[in-house]
Amino acid sequence: MTLDPTTNAIDTELSRLHEIARRCYIAKDIPGYMAAFSKNLSYRQANGRVIDYETLYQDVAAQLRSVTAAQWSYSREAFSLDQGNATETLLQTGYVATTAFGFVHRIWLLRRRGRYTYVWEDSSWKIGAVEVLDESLSSSGMQFGLNAKLPSQPASAA
């Protein structure tokens, strides 16, 4: 994908914002993670249900209460600028671990393909709309011990 200088700068900035959001999620910094989203968010889940910023905030908080480890990567399938908004289609793949009794860890493989539309708000790009196109969560096994050990690389996006 060849990008003009302006588009390339926006692409680079969105990649930087993805990294910040990833770090905040792993650190369980909910306000930091949610800073990536517009307060006027419209988030269409894979099941068609549309939620707003506050509902997503509550959902993320609930996730982070049970997730003990997470890692993921993404590949950008498409990127465009239209009427001042930036839209990207991403394929995200990764692993999350949930823990019971402090030593029983279940590892989950997550694959999500979605369309993310960014709006310029408060001097920054914010995710204003999400459409989850496809999502799957499947068990990747169990582990026992003090800490869950996720596979060294998230599953291939292919």
C-alpha atoms as a PDB file:
ATOM      1  CA  MET A   1       0.000   0.000   0.000  1.00  0.00           C
ATOM      2  CA  THR A   2       1.630   3.267  -1.149  1.00  0.00           C
ATOM      3  CA  LEU A   3       0.561   6.331   0.829  1.00  0.00           C
ATOM      4  CA  ASP A   4       0.998  10.032   0.124  1.00  0.00           C
ATOM      5  CA  PRO A   5       2.902  12.066   2.789  1.00  0.00           C
ATOM      6  CA  THR A   6      -0.256  13.248   4.612  1.00  0.00           C
ATOM      7  CA  THR A   7      -1.830   9.795   4.589  1.00  0.00           C
ATOM      8  CA  ASN A   8       1.491   8.272   5.651  1.00  0.00           C
ATOM      9  CA  ALA A   9       1.691  10.650   8.641  1.00  0.00           C
ATOM     10  CA  ILE A  10      -1.838   9.700   9.738  1.00  0.00           C
ATOM     11  CA  ASP A  11      -1.073   6.008   9.232  1.00  0.00           C
ATOM     12  CA  THR A  12       2.034   6.380  11.408  1.00  0.00           C
ATOM     13  CA  GLU A  13       0.053   8.220  14.094  1.00  0.00           C
ATOM     14  CA  LEU A  14      -2.654   5.546  14.166  1.00  0.00           C
ATOM     15  CA  SER A  15       0.024   2.859  14.550  1.00  0.00           C
ATOM     16  CA  ARG A  16       1.441   4.822  17.491  1.00  0.00           C
ATOM     17  CA  LEU A  17      -2.022   5.051  19.067  1.00  0.00           C
ATOM     18  CA  HIS A  18      -2.504   1.280  18.649  1.00  0.00           C
ATOM     19  CA  GLU A  19       0.714   0.688  20.578  1.00  0.00           C
ATOM     20  CA  ILE A  20      -0.347   3.033  23.386  1.00  0.00           C
ATOM     21  CA  ALA A  21      -3.739   1.301  23.640  1.00  0.00           C
ATOM     22  CA  ARG A  22      -2.069  -2.144  23.670  1.00  0.00           C
ATOM     23  CA  ARG A  23       0.272  -1.121  26.484  1.00  0.00           C
ATOM     24  CA  CYS A  24      -2.594   0.377  28.502  1.00  0.00           C
ATOM     25  CA  TYR A  25      -4.703  -2.774  28.100  1.00  0.00           C
ATOM     26  CA  ILE A  26      -1.856  -5.030  29.216  1.00  0.00           C
ATOM     27  CA  ALA A  27      -1.186  -2.712  32.186  1.00  0.00           C
ATOM     28  CA  LYS A  28      -4.931  -2.758  33.001  1.00  0.00           C
ATOM     29  CA  ASP A  29      -5.022   1.034  32.662  1.00  0.00           C
ATOM     30  CA  ILE A  30      -8.677   1.387  31.691  1.00  0.00           C
ATOM     31  CA  PRO A  31      -8.752   5.207  31.391  1.00  0.00           C
ATOM     32  CA  GLY A  32      -5.570   5.104  29.291  1.00  0.00           C
ATOM     33  CA  TYR A  33      -7.000   2.416  27.017  1.00  0.00           C
ATOM     34  CA  MET A  34     -10.350   4.171  26.666  1.00  0.00           C
ATOM     35  CA  ALA A  35      -8.607   7.450  25.754  1.00  0.00           C
ATOM     36  CA  ALA A  36      -8.314   5.946  22.248  1.00  0.00           C
ATOM     37  CA  PHE A  37     -12.109   6.172  21.834  1.00  0.00           C
ATOM     38  CA  SER A  38     -14.389   9.139  21.212  1.00  0.00           C
ATOM     39  CA  LYS A  39     -17.006   9.808  23.893  1.00  0.00           C
ATOM     40  CA  ASN A  40     -19.479   9.694  20.954  1.00  0.00           C
ATOM     41  CA  LEU A  41     -18.442   6.145  20.048  1.00  0.00           C
ATOM     42  CA  SER A  42     -20.704   3.793  18.116  1.00  0.00           C
ATOM     43  CA  TYR A  43     -19.388   0.217  18.453  1.00  0.00           C
ATOM     44  CA  ARG A  44     -21.158  -2.516  16.468  1.00  0.00           C
ATOM     45  CA  GLN A  45     -20.255  -5.895  17.930  1.00  0.00           C
ATOM     46  CA  ALA A  46     -20.030  -9.082  15.852  1.00  0.00           C
ATOM     47  CA  ASN A  47     -23.562 -10.039  16.964  1.00  0.00           C
ATOM     48  CA  GLY A  48     -24.945  -6.740  15.596  1.00  0.00           C
ATOM     49  CA  ARG A  49     -25.506  -5.115  18.981  1.00  0.00           C
ATOM     50  CA  VAL A  50     -24.426  -1.462  19.023  1.00  0.00           C
ATOM     51  CA  ILE A  51     -22.918  -0.114  22.239  1.00  0.00           C
ATOM     52  CA  ASP A  52     -21.699   3.330  23.278  1.00  0.00           C
ATOM     53  CA  TYR A  53     -18.571   4.575  25.046  1.00  0.00           C
ATOM     54  CA  GLU A  54     -19.897   3.979  28.572  1.00  0.00           C
ATOM     55  CA  THR A  55     -20.968   0.416  27.806  1.00  0.00           C
ATOM     56  CA  LEU A  56     -17.604  -0.347  26.198  1.00  0.00           C
ATOM     57  CA  TYR A  57     -15.866   1.128  29.263  1.00  0.00           C
ATOM     58  CA  GLN A  58     -17.842  -1.223  31.527  1.00  0.00           C
ATOM     59  CA  ASP A  59     -17.185  -4.199  29.215  1.00  0.00           C
ATOM     60  CA  VAL A  60     -13.429  -3.521  29.157  1.00  0.00           C
ATOM     61  CA  ALA A  61     -13.349  -3.144  32.953  1.00  0.00           C
ATOM     62  CA  ALA A  62     -15.115  -6.506  33.316  1.00  0.00           C
ATOM     63  CA  GLN A  63     -12.694  -8.147  30.859  1.00  0.00           C
ATOM     64  CA  LEU A  64      -9.680  -6.835  32.722  1.00  0.00           C
ATOM     65  CA  ARG A  65     -10.957  -8.216  36.023  1.00  0.00           C
ATOM     66  CA  SER A  66     -10.655 -11.744  34.589  1.00  0.00           C
ATOM     67  CA  VAL A  67      -7.774 -11.430  32.102  1.00  0.00           C
ATOM     68  CA  THR A  68      -4.380 -12.103  33.675  1.00  0.00           C
ATOM     69  CA  ALA A  69      -2.228 -11.868  30.541  1.00  0.00           C
ATOM     70  CA  ALA A  70      -2.730 -10.680  26.986  1.00  0.00           C
ATOM     71  CA  GLN A  71      -0.750 -10.183  23.810  1.00  0.00           C
ATOM     72  CA  TRP A  72      -1.749  -9.553  20.228  1.00  0.00           C
ATOM     73  CA  SER A  73      -0.707  -8.235  16.894  1.00  0.00           C
ATOM     74  CA  TYR A  74      -2.642  -6.833  13.992  1.00  0.00           C
ATOM     75  CA  SER A  75      -2.338  -6.459  10.275  1.00  0.00           C
ATOM     76  CA  ARG A  76      -3.897  -3.567   8.406  1.00  0.00           C
ATOM     77  CA  GLU A  77      -5.890  -4.817   5.435  1.00  0.00           C
ATOM     78  CA  ALA A  78      -7.126  -1.435   4.224  1.00  0.00           C
ATOM     79  CA  PHE A  79      -6.686   2.260   5.000  1.00  0.00           C
ATOM     80  CA  SER A  80      -8.466   5.311   3.601  1.00  0.00           C
ATOM     81  CA  LEU A  81      -9.188   8.965   4.248  1.00  0.00           C
ATOM     82  CA  ASP A  82     -12.619  10.351   3.513  1.00  0.00           C
ATOM     83  CA  GLN A  83     -14.247  13.631   4.569  1.00  0.00           C
ATOM     84  CA  GLY A  84     -11.709  14.220   7.334  1.00  0.00           C
ATOM     85  CA  ASN A  85     -12.030  10.738   8.826  1.00  0.00           C
ATOM     86  CA  ALA A  86      -9.513   7.916   8.675  1.00  0.00           C
ATOM     87  CA  THR A  87     -10.787   4.358   8.309  1.00  0.00           C
ATOM     88  CA  GLU A  88      -8.815   1.163   8.629  1.00  0.00           C
ATOM     89  CA  THR A  89      -9.733  -2.477   8.422  1.00  0.00           C
ATOM     90  CA  LEU A  90      -7.649  -4.589  10.798  1.00  0.00           C
ATOM     91  CA  LEU A  91      -7.187  -8.263  11.472  1.00  0.00           C
ATOM     92  CA  GLN A  92      -6.224  -8.692  15.113  1.00  0.00           C
ATOM     93  CA  THR A  93      -4.916 -11.988  16.437  1.00  0.00           C
ATOM     94  CA  GLY A  94      -3.701 -12.795  19.898  1.00  0.00           C
ATOM     95  CA  TYR A  95      -3.947 -14.681  23.127  1.00  0.00           C
ATOM     96  CA  VAL A  96      -5.504 -13.910  26.490  1.00  0.00           C
ATOM     97  CA  ALA A  97      -5.270 -15.870  29.714  1.00  0.00           C
ATOM     98  CA  THR A  98      -7.837 -16.143  32.482  1.00  0.00           C
ATOM     99  CA  THR A  99      -6.915 -17.584  35.852  1.00  0.00           C
ATOM    100  CA  ALA A 100      -8.844 -19.500  38.494  1.00  0.00           C
ATOM    101  CA  PHE A 101      -7.659 -20.362  42.001  1.00  0.00           C
ATOM    102  CA  GLY A 102      -4.418 -18.483  41.318  1.00  0.00           C
ATOM    103  CA  PHE A 103      -2.747 -21.326  39.407  1.00  0.00           C
ATOM    104  CA  VAL A 104      -5.160 -22.726  36.799  1.00  0.00           C
ATOM    105  CA  HIS A 105      -4.835 -20.760  33.562  1.00  0.00           C
ATOM    106  CA  ARG A 106      -6.991 -21.069  30.478  1.00  0.00           C
ATOM    107  CA  ILE A 107      -5.488 -19.680  27.295  1.00  0.00           C
ATOM    108  CA  TRP A 108      -7.794 -18.262  24.635  1.00  0.00           C
ATOM    109  CA  LEU A 109      -7.065 -17.497  20.999  1.00  0.00           C
ATOM    110  CA  LEU A 110      -8.808 -14.356  19.762  1.00  0.00           C
ATOM    111  CA  ARG A 111      -9.251 -13.415  16.113  1.00  0.00           C
ATOM    112  CA  ARG A 112     -11.096 -10.225  15.274  1.00  0.00           C
ATOM    113  CA  ARG A 113     -11.533  -8.444  11.961  1.00  0.00           C
ATOM    114  CA  GLY A 114     -12.983  -4.973  12.194  1.00  0.00           C
ATOM    115  CA  ARG A 115     -13.410  -1.602  10.551  1.00  0.00           C
ATOM    116  CA  TYR A 116     -12.326   1.349  12.689  1.00  0.00           C
ATOM    117  CA  THR A 117     -13.197   4.930  11.797  1.00  0.00           C
ATOM    118  CA  TYR A 118     -11.170   7.682  13.432  1.00  0.00           C
ATOM    119  CA  VAL A 119     -12.350  11.237  13.954  1.00  0.00           C
ATOM    120  CA  TRP A 120     -10.220  14.269  14.780  1.00  0.00           C
ATOM    121  CA  GLU A 121     -11.328  15.266  18.286  1.00  0.00           C
ATOM    122  CA  ASP A 122      -9.622  17.215  21.067  1.00  0.00           C
ATOM    123  CA  SER A 123      -6.439  17.647  18.965  1.00  0.00           C
ATOM    124  CA  SER A 124      -6.048  13.904  18.457  1.00  0.00           C
ATOM    125  CA  TRP A 125      -7.370  10.996  16.423  1.00  0.00           C
ATOM    126  CA  LYS A 126     -10.028   9.039  18.337  1.00  0.00           C
ATOM    127  CA  ILE A 127     -11.941   5.931  17.343  1.00  0.00           C
ATOM    128  CA  GLY A 128     -15.441   7.209  16.608  1.00  0.00           C
ATOM    129  CA  ALA A 129     -16.953   4.055  15.134  1.00  0.00           C
ATOM    130  CA  VAL A 130     -16.162   0.356  15.177  1.00  0.00           C
ATOM    131  CA  GLU A 131     -17.772  -2.375  13.143  1.00  0.00           C
ATOM    132  CA  VAL A 132     -16.647  -5.866  14.138  1.00  0.00           C
ATOM    133  CA  LEU A 133     -16.892  -7.820  10.894  1.00  0.00           C
ATOM    134  CA  ASP A 134     -15.877 -11.198  12.285  1.00  0.00           C
ATOM    135  CA  GLU A 135     -14.757 -12.437  15.682  1.00  0.00           C
ATOM    136  CA  SER A 136     -13.863 -15.791  17.181  1.00  0.00           C
ATOM    137  CA  LEU A 137     -12.629 -16.876  20.578  1.00  0.00           C
ATOM    138  CA  SER A 138     -11.439 -20.442  21.001  1.00  0.00           C
ATOM    139  CA  SER A 139      -9.657 -22.361  23.711  1.00  0.00           C
ATOM    140  CA  SER A 140      -5.943 -22.795  23.220  1.00  0.00           C
ATOM    141  CA  GLY A 141      -5.431 -25.026  26.233  1.00  0.00           C
ATOM    142  CA  MET A 142      -4.868 -25.041  29.982  1.00  0.00           C
ATOM    143  CA  GLN A 143      -1.780 -24.409  32.088  1.00  0.00           C
ATOM    144  CA  PHE A 144      -0.957 -24.853  35.746  1.00  0.00           C
ATOM    145  CA  GLY A 145       1.496 -22.741  37.727  1.00  0.00           C
ATOM    146  CA  LEU A 146       1.981 -19.313  39.232  1.00  0.00           C
ATOM    147  CA  ASN A 147       1.855 -17.389  35.949  1.00  0.00           C
ATOM    148  CA  ALA A 148       0.284 -18.099  32.595  1.00  0.00           C
ATOM    149  CA  LYS A 149       2.755 -18.380  29.745  1.00  0.00           C
ATOM    150  CA  LEU A 150       1.266 -17.212  26.491  1.00  0.00           C
ATOM    151  CA  PRO A 151       2.577 -18.588  23.205  1.00  0.00           C
ATOM    152  CA  SER A 152       5.625 -16.594  22.113  1.00  0.00           C
ATOM    153  CA  GLN A 153       3.913 -15.132  19.046  1.00  0.00           C
ATOM    154  CA  PRO A 154       0.260 -14.367  18.479  1.00  0.00           C
ATOM    155  CA  ALA A 155      -1.353 -16.671  15.965  1.00  0.00           C
ATOM    156  CA  SER A 156      -0.774 -15.780  12.351  1.00  0.00           C
ATOM    157  CA  ALA A 157      -3.240 -13.371  10.819  1.00  0.00           C
ATOM    158  CA  ALA A 158      -3.555 -15.679   7.803  1.00  0.00           C
END
